[in-house]
N, C-alpha and C. Protein backbone atom coordinates (compact mmCIF):
# COMPACT_ATOMS: atom_id res chain seq x y z
N MET A 1 -13.94 -79.43 23.92
CA MET A 1 -12.89 -78.86 23.52
C MET A 1 -13.54 -77.67 22.41
N VAL A 2 -14.22 -77.61 22.09
CA VAL A 2 -14.72 -76.75 20.77
C VAL A 2 -15.77 -75.83 21.95
N LYS A 3 -16.58 -76.08 23.09
CA LYS A 3 -17.21 -75.05 23.71
C LYS A 3 -16.01 -74.86 24.69
N LYS A 4 -15.04 -74.74 25.12
CA LYS A 4 -13.92 -73.97 26.00
C LYS A 4 -13.45 -73.12 24.87
N ILE A 5 -12.91 -73.11 23.52
CA ILE A 5 -12.34 -72.28 22.57
C ILE A 5 -13.47 -71.27 22.80
N LEU A 6 -14.87 -71.38 22.47
CA LEU A 6 -15.41 -70.59 22.42
C LEU A 6 -16.34 -69.27 23.79
N ILE A 7 -15.93 -69.94 25.03
CA ILE A 7 -16.22 -69.49 26.43
C ILE A 7 -14.81 -68.56 26.22
N GLY A 8 -13.98 -69.61 25.79
CA GLY A 8 -12.19 -68.42 25.65
C GLY A 8 -12.50 -67.24 24.87
N LEU A 9 -12.73 -67.32 23.84
CA LEU A 9 -13.11 -65.95 22.93
C LEU A 9 -13.80 -65.29 23.41
N ALA A 10 -14.97 -65.71 23.81
CA ALA A 10 -15.95 -64.51 24.18
C ALA A 10 -15.48 -63.76 25.08
N GLY A 11 -14.71 -64.35 26.47
CA GLY A 11 -13.97 -63.64 27.51
C GLY A 11 -12.75 -63.10 26.94
N VAL A 12 -12.26 -63.10 25.84
CA VAL A 12 -11.50 -62.21 24.88
C VAL A 12 -12.03 -60.55 24.54
N VAL A 13 -13.03 -61.61 23.95
CA VAL A 13 -13.73 -59.99 23.35
C VAL A 13 -14.72 -59.18 24.67
N LEU A 14 -15.17 -59.60 25.66
CA LEU A 14 -15.46 -58.82 26.91
C LEU A 14 -13.98 -58.54 27.04
N ALA A 15 -13.38 -58.57 27.64
CA ALA A 15 -11.84 -57.86 28.05
C ALA A 15 -11.75 -57.01 26.73
N LEU A 16 -12.24 -57.12 25.91
CA LEU A 16 -11.63 -55.98 24.82
C LEU A 16 -12.12 -55.05 24.92
N VAL A 17 -13.96 -55.43 25.06
CA VAL A 17 -14.85 -54.68 25.06
C VAL A 17 -15.03 -53.82 26.29
N VAL A 18 -14.55 -54.43 27.78
CA VAL A 18 -14.31 -53.71 28.58
C VAL A 18 -13.01 -52.25 28.71
N ALA A 19 -11.90 -53.09 27.85
CA ALA A 19 -10.52 -52.55 27.51
C ALA A 19 -11.23 -50.74 26.94
N ILE A 20 -12.07 -50.90 25.82
CA ILE A 20 -12.24 -50.11 25.13
C ILE A 20 -13.41 -48.75 25.58
N ALA A 21 -14.12 -49.43 26.45
CA ALA A 21 -14.97 -48.97 27.28
C ALA A 21 -14.61 -48.60 28.07
N THR A 22 -13.13 -48.31 28.90
CA THR A 22 -12.42 -47.54 29.68
C THR A 22 -11.66 -46.17 29.22
N ARG A 23 -11.47 -46.18 28.01
CA ARG A 23 -10.86 -45.78 27.37
C ARG A 23 -11.26 -44.31 27.56
N PRO A 24 -10.37 -43.18 27.38
CA PRO A 24 -11.26 -41.63 27.64
C PRO A 24 -12.17 -41.32 26.74
N ALA A 25 -13.13 -40.02 27.08
CA ALA A 25 -14.35 -40.15 26.38
C ALA A 25 -14.00 -38.91 25.46
N THR A 26 -13.59 -38.22 26.02
CA THR A 26 -13.25 -37.42 24.85
C THR A 26 -11.30 -37.40 23.99
N PHE A 27 -11.14 -36.51 23.26
CA PHE A 27 -9.71 -35.93 22.90
C PHE A 27 -8.99 -34.70 22.65
N HIS A 28 -8.59 -34.50 22.82
CA HIS A 28 -8.07 -33.10 21.92
C HIS A 28 -6.26 -33.04 21.79
N VAL A 29 -5.76 -32.48 20.70
CA VAL A 29 -4.75 -32.58 20.12
C VAL A 29 -4.83 -30.64 19.65
N GLU A 30 -3.42 -30.55 20.19
CA GLU A 30 -3.21 -28.95 19.80
C GLU A 30 -1.68 -28.73 19.50
N ARG A 31 -1.19 -27.92 18.62
CA ARG A 31 0.05 -27.30 17.91
C ARG A 31 0.16 -25.84 18.29
N SER A 32 1.23 -25.37 17.96
CA SER A 32 1.58 -23.83 18.07
C SER A 32 2.55 -23.69 17.51
N ILE A 33 2.93 -22.04 16.24
CA ILE A 33 3.73 -21.80 16.01
C ILE A 33 3.92 -20.55 16.14
N VAL A 34 5.26 -20.36 16.09
CA VAL A 34 5.53 -18.89 15.90
C VAL A 34 5.65 -18.00 14.44
N VAL A 35 5.06 -17.22 13.82
CA VAL A 35 5.55 -16.55 12.48
C VAL A 35 5.52 -15.55 12.45
N ALA A 36 6.86 -15.01 11.99
CA ALA A 36 7.28 -13.64 11.64
C ALA A 36 6.59 -13.05 10.76
N ALA A 37 5.47 -12.76 10.85
CA ALA A 37 4.54 -12.02 10.86
C ALA A 37 3.20 -11.35 11.49
N PRO A 38 2.75 -10.22 10.89
CA PRO A 38 1.60 -9.84 11.71
C PRO A 38 0.42 -11.36 11.80
N ALA A 39 -0.75 -10.69 12.70
CA ALA A 39 -1.47 -11.62 12.37
C ALA A 39 -2.22 -11.30 11.00
N ALA A 40 -2.17 -9.70 10.76
CA ALA A 40 -3.43 -9.69 9.16
C ALA A 40 -2.39 -10.56 7.92
N ALA A 41 -1.32 -10.95 8.54
CA ALA A 41 -0.86 -11.58 6.77
C ALA A 41 -1.06 -13.18 7.12
N ILE A 42 -1.53 -13.60 8.28
CA ILE A 42 -1.58 -14.82 8.14
C ILE A 42 -3.54 -15.56 7.68
N PHE A 43 -3.92 -14.92 9.26
CA PHE A 43 -5.48 -15.01 9.53
C PHE A 43 -6.29 -15.10 7.54
N PRO A 44 -5.90 -14.40 6.34
CA PRO A 44 -6.55 -14.54 5.36
C PRO A 44 -6.35 -15.57 5.09
N LEU A 45 -5.17 -17.05 5.19
CA LEU A 45 -4.80 -18.02 4.59
C LEU A 45 -5.42 -19.34 5.40
N VAL A 46 -6.50 -18.68 7.05
CA VAL A 46 -6.64 -19.57 7.29
C VAL A 46 -8.29 -19.77 7.23
N ASN A 47 -8.93 -17.90 7.07
CA ASN A 47 -10.49 -18.13 7.43
C ASN A 47 -10.93 -18.12 6.08
N ASP A 48 -9.78 -18.09 4.55
CA ASP A 48 -10.63 -18.80 3.71
C ASP A 48 -10.22 -20.06 2.87
N TYR A 49 -11.36 -20.86 2.84
CA TYR A 49 -11.17 -22.60 2.99
C TYR A 49 -10.85 -22.94 1.15
N GLN A 50 -10.38 -21.83 0.51
CA GLN A 50 -10.09 -22.47 -0.95
C GLN A 50 -8.42 -21.61 -0.30
N ALA A 51 -8.10 -20.49 0.25
CA ALA A 51 -6.37 -20.23 0.26
C ALA A 51 -5.44 -21.36 0.79
N ARG A 52 -6.63 -22.32 2.08
CA ARG A 52 -5.76 -23.35 2.88
C ARG A 52 -4.99 -24.78 1.81
N GLY A 53 -5.95 -24.43 0.69
CA GLY A 53 -4.63 -25.35 -0.61
C GLY A 53 -3.28 -25.84 -0.20
N VAL A 54 -3.03 -24.19 -0.23
CA VAL A 54 -0.87 -24.07 -0.10
C VAL A 54 -0.77 -24.41 1.27
N TRP A 55 -1.47 -24.61 2.32
CA TRP A 55 -0.82 -25.26 3.37
C TRP A 55 -1.59 -26.63 3.77
N TYR A 56 -2.33 -26.73 3.98
CA TYR A 56 -3.17 -27.96 4.52
C TYR A 56 -2.37 -29.04 4.29
N PRO A 57 -2.45 -30.12 5.41
CA PRO A 57 -1.60 -31.23 5.03
C PRO A 57 -2.12 -31.69 4.60
N TRP A 58 -3.19 -32.46 4.62
CA TRP A 58 -4.23 -33.74 4.04
C TRP A 58 -4.40 -33.40 2.43
N ASP A 59 -4.68 -31.82 2.20
CA ASP A 59 -4.40 -31.65 0.67
C ASP A 59 -3.07 -32.65 -0.19
N LYS A 60 -2.18 -32.74 0.52
CA LYS A 60 -1.20 -33.51 -0.34
C LYS A 60 -1.41 -34.57 -0.27
N LEU A 61 -2.53 -35.45 0.71
CA LEU A 61 -2.24 -37.33 0.46
C LEU A 61 -3.02 -37.41 -0.46
N ASP A 62 -4.18 -36.44 -0.76
CA ASP A 62 -4.77 -37.05 -2.19
C ASP A 62 -4.80 -35.75 -2.89
N PRO A 63 -4.01 -35.33 -4.32
CA PRO A 63 -4.14 -34.03 -5.11
C PRO A 63 -5.60 -34.13 -6.09
N ALA A 64 -5.59 -35.27 -6.05
CA ALA A 64 -6.72 -35.38 -6.74
C ALA A 64 -8.34 -35.58 -5.93
N MET A 65 -8.27 -34.99 -4.93
CA MET A 65 -9.17 -35.19 -4.46
C MET A 65 -10.83 -33.78 -4.80
N HIS A 66 -11.58 -34.64 -4.24
CA HIS A 66 -12.70 -33.66 -5.20
C HIS A 66 -12.86 -32.39 -4.16
N LYS A 67 -13.14 -31.36 -4.12
CA LYS A 67 -13.51 -30.53 -3.47
C LYS A 67 -14.77 -29.90 -3.53
N THR A 68 -15.58 -28.75 -2.42
CA THR A 68 -16.91 -28.44 -3.07
C THR A 68 -16.60 -26.92 -1.72
N PHE A 69 -16.62 -26.00 -2.22
CA PHE A 69 -16.48 -24.70 -1.16
C PHE A 69 -18.03 -23.57 -1.71
N SER A 70 -18.33 -23.36 -0.28
CA SER A 70 -19.19 -22.39 -0.33
C SER A 70 -18.86 -21.21 -1.13
N THR A 71 -20.20 -20.52 -1.16
CA THR A 71 -19.66 -19.03 -1.77
C THR A 71 -20.75 -18.09 -0.88
N PRO A 72 -19.90 -17.11 -0.33
CA PRO A 72 -18.42 -16.89 -0.30
C PRO A 72 -17.71 -18.29 0.57
N SER A 73 -16.77 -18.74 0.27
CA SER A 73 -15.71 -19.12 1.20
C SER A 73 -14.77 -19.24 2.50
N PHE A 74 -14.84 -18.28 2.60
CA PHE A 74 -14.89 -17.49 4.27
C PHE A 74 -15.94 -17.03 4.88
N GLY A 75 -15.13 -16.60 6.13
CA GLY A 75 -15.37 -16.07 7.17
C GLY A 75 -17.07 -17.30 7.82
N ALA A 76 -17.74 -16.80 8.99
CA ALA A 76 -18.56 -17.25 9.47
C ALA A 76 -19.56 -18.32 8.76
N GLY A 77 -20.01 -19.15 8.58
CA GLY A 77 -20.96 -19.74 7.73
C GLY A 77 -20.28 -20.53 6.39
N ALA A 78 -19.02 -19.59 6.32
CA ALA A 78 -18.58 -20.73 4.88
C ALA A 78 -18.44 -22.26 5.11
N SER A 79 -18.48 -23.36 4.13
CA SER A 79 -17.92 -24.39 4.24
C SER A 79 -17.05 -24.97 3.26
N TYR A 80 -16.91 -26.25 3.62
CA TYR A 80 -16.28 -26.65 2.60
C TYR A 80 -16.27 -28.50 3.08
N SER A 81 -16.73 -29.44 1.62
CA SER A 81 -16.72 -30.66 1.72
C SER A 81 -15.40 -31.17 1.09
N TRP A 82 -15.41 -32.61 1.15
CA TRP A 82 -14.33 -33.15 0.47
C TRP A 82 -14.39 -34.62 0.33
N ILE A 83 -14.26 -35.61 -0.92
CA ILE A 83 -14.20 -37.13 -1.05
C ILE A 83 -12.61 -37.19 -1.77
N GLY A 84 -12.34 -37.99 -1.25
CA GLY A 84 -10.92 -38.13 -1.65
C GLY A 84 -10.90 -39.80 -1.35
N ASN A 85 -9.15 -40.40 -1.54
CA ASN A 85 -8.94 -41.62 -1.48
C ASN A 85 -9.15 -42.00 0.45
N LYS A 86 -8.69 -43.23 0.37
CA LYS A 86 -8.74 -43.78 1.65
C LYS A 86 -7.99 -43.38 2.74
N ASP A 87 -6.98 -42.28 2.15
CA ASP A 87 -6.17 -41.36 3.58
C ASP A 87 -6.80 -40.06 3.76
N VAL A 88 -8.00 -39.90 3.04
CA VAL A 88 -9.07 -38.60 3.32
C VAL A 88 -9.97 -38.79 3.73
N GLY A 89 -10.79 -40.14 3.00
CA GLY A 89 -12.28 -40.20 3.05
C GLY A 89 -12.88 -39.15 2.80
N LYS A 90 -13.90 -38.98 3.33
CA LYS A 90 -14.87 -38.12 3.26
C LYS A 90 -15.41 -37.06 3.89
N GLY A 91 -15.88 -36.12 4.17
CA GLY A 91 -16.18 -35.61 5.55
C GLY A 91 -16.99 -34.01 4.87
N LYS A 92 -17.12 -32.57 5.94
CA LYS A 92 -17.08 -31.73 5.36
C LYS A 92 -16.79 -30.94 6.88
N GLN A 93 -16.08 -29.48 6.49
CA GLN A 93 -16.07 -28.66 7.59
C GLN A 93 -16.66 -27.34 7.82
N THR A 94 -17.26 -26.63 8.59
CA THR A 94 -18.24 -25.64 8.72
C THR A 94 -17.61 -24.70 10.02
N MET A 95 -17.43 -23.28 9.33
CA MET A 95 -16.79 -22.02 10.00
C MET A 95 -17.75 -21.78 10.73
N THR A 96 -17.68 -21.37 12.35
CA THR A 96 -19.37 -21.56 13.04
C THR A 96 -18.60 -19.80 13.94
N ALA A 97 -17.53 -19.51 13.87
CA ALA A 97 -17.23 -18.17 14.42
C ALA A 97 -15.81 -17.31 13.65
N SER A 98 -15.81 -16.27 13.05
CA SER A 98 -14.53 -15.98 12.44
C SER A 98 -14.34 -14.32 13.04
N VAL A 99 -13.28 -14.34 14.12
CA VAL A 99 -12.77 -12.94 14.37
C VAL A 99 -11.66 -12.36 13.76
N ASP A 100 -11.32 -11.03 13.04
CA ASP A 100 -10.40 -10.80 12.25
C ASP A 100 -9.01 -11.12 13.23
N ASN A 101 -8.04 -11.71 12.35
CA ASN A 101 -6.92 -11.60 12.85
C ASN A 101 -7.06 -12.16 14.36
N THR A 102 -7.66 -13.11 14.97
CA THR A 102 -7.71 -13.06 16.76
C THR A 102 -8.32 -14.56 16.68
N ARG A 103 -9.32 -15.14 15.98
CA ARG A 103 -9.78 -16.36 16.12
C ARG A 103 -11.00 -16.83 15.39
N ILE A 104 -10.99 -18.18 15.12
CA ILE A 104 -11.40 -19.24 14.04
C ILE A 104 -12.26 -20.34 14.68
N GLU A 105 -12.84 -20.94 14.00
CA GLU A 105 -13.50 -21.84 15.15
C GLU A 105 -14.86 -22.26 14.16
N GLU A 106 -14.47 -23.78 14.49
CA GLU A 106 -15.08 -24.52 12.72
C GLU A 106 -15.89 -26.39 13.89
N THR A 107 -16.69 -26.58 12.75
CA THR A 107 -17.33 -27.77 13.14
C THR A 107 -16.88 -28.79 12.37
N LEU A 108 -16.18 -30.01 12.41
CA LEU A 108 -15.58 -30.85 11.49
C LEU A 108 -16.17 -32.58 11.25
N GLU A 109 -16.50 -32.62 10.61
CA GLU A 109 -17.59 -34.01 10.40
C GLU A 109 -16.85 -34.86 9.29
N PHE A 110 -16.44 -36.23 10.06
CA PHE A 110 -16.13 -36.74 9.24
C PHE A 110 -16.80 -38.14 9.11
N ILE A 111 -17.00 -38.45 7.82
CA ILE A 111 -18.41 -39.18 7.39
C ILE A 111 -17.87 -40.56 7.13
N GLU A 112 -16.58 -40.29 6.15
CA GLU A 112 -15.83 -41.70 5.34
C GLU A 112 -14.85 -41.28 6.21
N PRO A 113 -14.18 -43.14 6.56
CA PRO A 113 -14.76 -44.21 7.12
C PRO A 113 -15.01 -43.94 7.67
N PHE A 114 -14.99 -43.30 9.07
CA PHE A 114 -15.59 -43.81 10.70
C PHE A 114 -16.00 -42.24 11.16
N PRO A 115 -17.62 -42.65 10.55
CA PRO A 115 -18.26 -41.18 11.62
C PRO A 115 -17.95 -40.73 12.47
N SER A 116 -17.45 -39.27 12.51
CA SER A 116 -17.21 -38.33 13.65
C SER A 116 -17.49 -37.02 13.59
N THR A 117 -17.51 -35.99 14.79
CA THR A 117 -17.48 -34.76 14.30
C THR A 117 -16.80 -34.53 15.70
N ALA A 118 -15.71 -32.86 15.20
CA ALA A 118 -14.85 -32.85 16.48
C ALA A 118 -14.83 -31.36 15.88
N GLN A 119 -14.43 -29.96 17.02
CA GLN A 119 -14.49 -28.66 17.04
C GLN A 119 -13.05 -28.86 16.83
N VAL A 120 -13.07 -27.62 15.66
CA VAL A 120 -11.54 -26.99 16.03
C VAL A 120 -11.57 -25.72 16.24
N THR A 121 -10.07 -24.88 16.26
CA THR A 121 -9.93 -23.49 16.56
C THR A 121 -8.89 -23.22 16.37
N PHE A 122 -8.65 -22.56 15.68
CA PHE A 122 -7.29 -21.21 15.38
C PHE A 122 -7.47 -19.84 16.24
N THR A 123 -5.70 -20.20 16.95
CA THR A 123 -6.21 -18.39 17.74
C THR A 123 -5.05 -17.93 17.17
N PHE A 124 -4.91 -16.80 17.02
CA PHE A 124 -3.59 -15.53 16.24
C PHE A 124 -3.20 -14.34 17.60
N ALA A 125 -2.35 -15.11 18.40
CA ALA A 125 -2.01 -14.19 19.40
C ALA A 125 -0.17 -13.39 18.87
N GLU A 126 -0.43 -12.18 18.55
CA GLU A 126 0.66 -11.11 17.85
C GLU A 126 1.16 -10.70 19.23
N LYS A 127 2.27 -10.14 18.94
CA LYS A 127 3.23 -9.89 19.69
C LYS A 127 4.71 -9.42 19.17
N ASP A 128 4.67 -7.97 19.45
CA ASP A 128 5.93 -7.56 18.43
C ASP A 128 6.49 -8.21 17.14
N GLY A 129 5.76 -8.02 16.08
CA GLY A 129 5.67 -8.12 15.10
C GLY A 129 5.19 -9.62 14.44
N SER A 130 5.22 -10.30 15.24
CA SER A 130 5.34 -12.12 15.03
C SER A 130 4.27 -12.49 16.11
N THR A 131 3.38 -13.37 15.50
CA THR A 131 2.32 -13.69 16.16
C THR A 131 2.38 -15.42 15.49
N SER A 132 2.04 -15.95 17.39
CA SER A 132 1.52 -17.47 17.34
C SER A 132 0.55 -17.97 16.78
N VAL A 133 0.96 -18.67 16.39
CA VAL A 133 -0.58 -19.20 16.19
C VAL A 133 -0.71 -20.53 16.41
N THR A 134 -1.94 -20.77 17.08
CA THR A 134 -2.46 -22.46 17.45
C THR A 134 -3.52 -22.64 16.61
N TRP A 135 -3.59 -24.20 16.83
CA TRP A 135 -4.26 -24.95 15.80
C TRP A 135 -4.28 -26.14 16.74
N SER A 136 -5.95 -26.10 17.12
CA SER A 136 -6.52 -27.34 17.83
C SER A 136 -7.37 -28.12 17.33
N MET A 137 -8.42 -29.67 17.99
CA MET A 137 -8.90 -30.64 17.94
C MET A 137 -9.23 -31.21 18.54
N GLY A 138 -10.75 -30.63 18.86
CA GLY A 138 -11.46 -32.00 20.39
C GLY A 138 -12.46 -32.14 19.83
N GLY A 139 -12.77 -33.25 21.21
CA GLY A 139 -14.33 -33.99 20.58
C GLY A 139 -14.14 -34.98 21.51
N ASP A 140 -15.68 -35.90 21.05
CA ASP A 140 -16.09 -36.94 22.07
C ASP A 140 -15.03 -37.80 21.10
N ASN A 141 -14.83 -39.24 21.85
CA ASN A 141 -14.48 -40.68 21.55
C ASN A 141 -15.16 -41.36 21.34
N THR A 142 -15.72 -41.56 19.82
CA THR A 142 -16.98 -42.49 19.35
C THR A 142 -15.67 -44.25 20.05
N PHE A 143 -17.12 -45.47 20.04
CA PHE A 143 -16.09 -46.61 20.34
C PHE A 143 -15.22 -46.77 19.67
N MET A 144 -15.50 -46.70 18.30
CA MET A 144 -14.22 -46.78 16.79
C MET A 144 -12.75 -46.20 17.35
N GLY A 145 -13.33 -44.42 18.24
CA GLY A 145 -12.05 -43.43 18.44
C GLY A 145 -11.57 -44.27 19.37
N LYS A 146 -12.52 -45.04 20.39
CA LYS A 146 -11.56 -45.58 21.84
C LYS A 146 -10.75 -46.47 21.64
N ALA A 147 -11.29 -47.35 20.53
CA ALA A 147 -10.89 -48.90 19.32
C ALA A 147 -9.29 -48.55 19.28
N MET A 148 -9.03 -47.63 18.55
CA MET A 148 -8.08 -47.07 18.12
C MET A 148 -7.45 -46.34 18.98
N SER A 149 -7.59 -46.00 20.39
CA SER A 149 -6.79 -45.17 21.36
C SER A 149 -5.62 -46.05 21.75
N LEU A 150 -6.18 -47.56 21.93
CA LEU A 150 -5.87 -48.76 22.32
C LEU A 150 -4.52 -49.04 21.43
N VAL A 151 -4.58 -48.73 20.53
CA VAL A 151 -3.36 -48.93 19.61
C VAL A 151 -2.30 -47.43 19.86
N ALA A 152 -3.14 -46.33 19.88
CA ALA A 152 -2.21 -45.22 19.82
C ALA A 152 -2.81 -44.11 19.52
N SER A 153 -2.61 -42.74 20.22
CA SER A 153 -3.73 -41.90 20.92
C SER A 153 -3.73 -40.92 19.40
N MET A 154 -4.97 -40.34 19.48
CA MET A 154 -5.34 -39.12 18.87
C MET A 154 -4.27 -38.33 18.37
N ASP A 155 -3.64 -37.79 19.62
CA ASP A 155 -2.15 -36.55 19.04
C ASP A 155 -1.38 -37.59 17.91
N SER A 156 -1.04 -39.05 18.10
CA SER A 156 -0.53 -39.50 17.76
C SER A 156 -0.59 -39.91 16.09
N PHE A 157 -1.82 -40.43 16.31
CA PHE A 157 -2.35 -39.90 14.57
C PHE A 157 -1.99 -38.75 13.85
N ILE A 158 -3.00 -37.73 14.25
CA ILE A 158 -2.43 -36.38 13.63
C ILE A 158 -2.02 -35.22 13.96
N GLY A 159 -0.98 -35.54 15.54
CA GLY A 159 0.08 -34.27 15.98
C GLY A 159 0.77 -34.34 14.17
N LYS A 160 1.56 -35.28 14.14
CA LYS A 160 2.36 -34.79 13.30
C LYS A 160 1.81 -33.79 11.66
N ASP A 161 0.68 -34.20 11.22
CA ASP A 161 -0.04 -32.95 10.70
C ASP A 161 -0.76 -32.30 11.12
N PHE A 162 -0.49 -31.45 12.08
CA PHE A 162 -0.39 -30.56 12.33
C PHE A 162 0.37 -29.55 12.39
N ASP A 163 1.96 -30.61 12.96
CA ASP A 163 2.84 -29.79 12.66
C ASP A 163 3.32 -29.46 11.54
N ASN A 164 3.24 -30.40 10.38
CA ASN A 164 3.16 -30.11 8.72
C ASN A 164 2.62 -29.12 8.40
N GLY A 165 1.19 -28.83 9.20
CA GLY A 165 0.44 -27.77 8.07
C GLY A 165 1.09 -26.31 9.01
N LEU A 166 1.29 -26.62 10.20
CA LEU A 166 1.84 -25.41 10.42
C LEU A 166 3.35 -24.68 10.09
N ALA A 167 3.69 -25.68 9.79
CA ALA A 167 4.76 -25.17 9.33
C ALA A 167 5.16 -25.09 7.42
N ALA A 168 3.97 -25.52 6.80
CA ALA A 168 3.91 -24.78 5.91
C ALA A 168 3.05 -23.26 5.68
N LEU A 169 1.88 -23.56 6.59
CA LEU A 169 1.45 -22.24 6.88
C LEU A 169 2.50 -21.11 7.23
N LYS A 170 3.43 -21.13 8.12
CA LYS A 170 4.03 -20.25 8.50
C LYS A 170 5.20 -19.88 7.16
N SER A 171 5.49 -20.65 6.72
CA SER A 171 6.55 -20.65 5.20
C SER A 171 5.65 -19.50 4.15
N GLU A 172 4.44 -19.41 3.99
CA GLU A 172 3.41 -19.43 3.11
C GLU A 172 3.30 -17.79 3.71
N SER A 173 3.02 -17.63 4.94
CA SER A 173 2.94 -15.98 5.60
C SER A 173 3.92 -15.60 5.36
N GLU A 174 4.83 -16.03 5.59
CA GLU A 174 6.18 -15.14 5.39
C GLU A 174 6.72 -14.90 4.44
N LYS A 175 6.22 -15.32 3.37
CA LYS A 175 6.84 -15.40 2.21
C LYS A 175 5.24 -13.95 1.54
N THR A 176 4.49 -14.39 1.75
CA THR A 176 3.09 -13.54 1.40
C THR A 176 4.09 -11.58 2.48
N PHE A 177 4.32 -11.88 3.52
CA PHE A 177 4.50 -11.02 4.34
C PHE A 177 5.32 -9.84 3.70
N ALA A 178 6.41 -11.02 3.55
CA ALA A 178 7.97 -10.29 2.53
C ALA A 178 7.23 -9.35 1.51
N ALA A 179 6.41 -9.98 0.46
CA ALA A 179 5.95 -9.75 -0.92
C ALA A 179 4.79 -8.10 -0.60
N GLN A 180 4.32 -8.64 0.95
CA GLN A 180 3.57 -7.12 0.97
C GLN A 180 4.50 -6.04 1.47
N GLN A 181 5.58 -6.42 2.05
CA GLN A 181 6.69 -5.46 2.39
C GLN A 181 7.06 -4.81 1.27
N ALA A 182 7.77 -5.23 -0.15
CA ALA A 182 8.37 -5.51 -0.99
C ALA A 182 7.97 -4.51 -1.96
N ALA A 183 5.63 -5.11 -1.84
CA ALA A 183 4.85 -3.48 -2.49
C ALA A 183 4.72 -2.68 -1.74
N ALA A 184 5.37 -2.11 -0.84
CA ALA A 184 4.94 -0.88 -0.08
C ALA A 184 6.12 -0.34 0.04
N LYS A 185 7.15 -1.02 -0.21
CA LYS A 185 8.16 -0.48 -0.10
C LYS A 185 8.80 0.61 -1.82
N LEU A 186 7.65 -0.50 -2.66
CA LEU A 186 8.24 -0.01 -3.58
C LEU A 186 7.13 1.21 -4.45
N ALA A 187 6.05 1.08 -3.34
CA ALA A 187 5.36 2.04 -3.88
C ALA A 187 5.11 3.36 -3.11
N ALA A 188 5.88 3.32 -1.75
CA ALA A 188 6.81 4.61 -1.40
C ALA A 188 7.48 5.17 -2.06
N GLU A 189 8.61 4.49 -2.92
CA GLU A 189 9.61 4.96 -3.27
C GLU A 189 8.72 6.04 -4.50
N GLN A 190 8.26 4.92 -5.32
CA GLN A 190 7.79 5.60 -6.43
C GLN A 190 6.42 7.14 -6.12
N ALA A 191 5.93 6.62 -4.85
CA ALA A 191 5.27 7.95 -5.01
C ALA A 191 6.30 9.21 -3.97
N ALA A 192 7.17 8.88 -3.24
CA ALA A 192 8.64 10.19 -3.49
C ALA A 192 9.17 10.60 -4.67
N ALA A 193 9.40 9.76 -5.31
CA ALA A 193 10.01 9.99 -6.90
C ALA A 193 9.14 10.90 -7.21
N ALA A 194 7.52 10.31 -7.65
CA ALA A 194 6.42 11.29 -8.30
C ALA A 194 6.63 12.80 -7.62
N ALA A 195 6.50 13.37 -5.93
CA ALA A 195 6.45 14.13 -5.43
C ALA A 195 7.25 15.20 -6.01
N ALA A 196 8.39 14.35 -5.82
CA ALA A 196 9.88 15.32 -5.87
C ALA A 196 9.71 16.00 -7.28
N VAL A 197 8.86 14.71 -8.32
CA VAL A 197 9.31 15.48 -9.71
C VAL A 197 8.05 16.83 -9.84
N ALA A 198 7.46 16.67 -9.40
CA ALA A 198 6.26 17.53 -9.21
C ALA A 198 6.31 18.95 -8.61
N VAL A 199 7.08 18.61 -7.51
CA VAL A 199 7.81 19.88 -6.94
C VAL A 199 9.16 20.38 -7.66
N ASP A 200 9.60 19.86 -7.95
CA ASP A 200 10.69 20.41 -9.48
C ASP A 200 9.66 21.11 -10.53
N GLY A 201 8.90 20.33 -11.24
CA GLY A 201 7.79 20.70 -11.90
C GLY A 201 7.33 22.59 -11.63
N ALA A 202 7.37 22.35 -10.19
CA ALA A 202 5.92 23.61 -9.82
C ALA A 202 7.12 24.72 -8.87
N ALA A 203 8.54 24.79 -9.61
CA ALA A 203 9.26 25.56 -8.90
C ALA A 203 9.50 26.62 -10.09
N PRO A 204 9.12 28.08 -9.82
CA PRO A 204 9.17 28.86 -9.95
C PRO A 204 10.39 29.10 -10.93
N THR A 205 10.90 29.85 -12.34
CA THR A 205 12.02 30.08 -12.73
C THR A 205 12.43 32.05 -12.42
N ALA A 206 13.06 31.86 -12.40
CA ALA A 206 13.66 33.62 -12.55
C ALA A 206 13.73 34.16 -13.49
N ALA A 207 13.18 35.07 -12.85
CA ALA A 207 12.82 36.30 -14.02
C ALA A 207 13.63 36.64 -14.94
N PRO A 208 14.20 37.00 -16.22
CA PRO A 208 15.10 37.53 -16.57
C PRO A 208 15.63 39.40 -16.48
N THR A 209 16.47 39.37 -16.35
CA THR A 209 16.76 40.79 -15.98
C THR A 209 17.29 41.37 -17.15
N THR A 210 16.68 42.71 -17.31
CA THR A 210 16.67 43.59 -18.56
C THR A 210 17.86 44.52 -18.20
N PRO A 211 18.68 44.75 -18.93
CA PRO A 211 19.94 45.65 -18.67
C PRO A 211 19.67 46.96 -18.79
N GLN A 212 20.30 47.62 -17.46
CA GLN A 212 20.00 49.05 -17.58
C GLN A 212 20.88 50.03 -18.77
């Protein structure tokens, strides 16, 4: 009886291993959003790791998360590492490419709870004053990743986080752009007023006439 149970368990384990082994070797998650602002108003919020705190979805999962930033914290070569609770784990991001207002590429290393590496890309496509921002992540599926995909795909695991993050990025970018426009309008008005005062002050006064 015990022998039959063991054989049955071995068969289940073997079937599970085979099922896991046949899962896709790679994964890809991608989301896009249109922001009512030029790329120049959005790019700095993504290109600087310290600036991401206002929109990054995983920061909200652990407000007490310990973060370490490189100096500088922006552009190609910059890095950011974190240690947090069970929801965010431990890992590191390194920016491998940064093209102003156009594209950002990163290597994302998860250390805990499950070691893995992924490639992350942000692209910014501007048209008629608005910008389409696309956030993608892809990489090789580890054995654990393949096992988890039997329950749910990587897209279902983090796709919602991408959606929430891009929505927050859109909100922050549009507020930033509105503030920039307001500041530019005020500066233009002040410059125009100063110019008008200067012109009035420089206008020659009529010479008094002498009675004949």
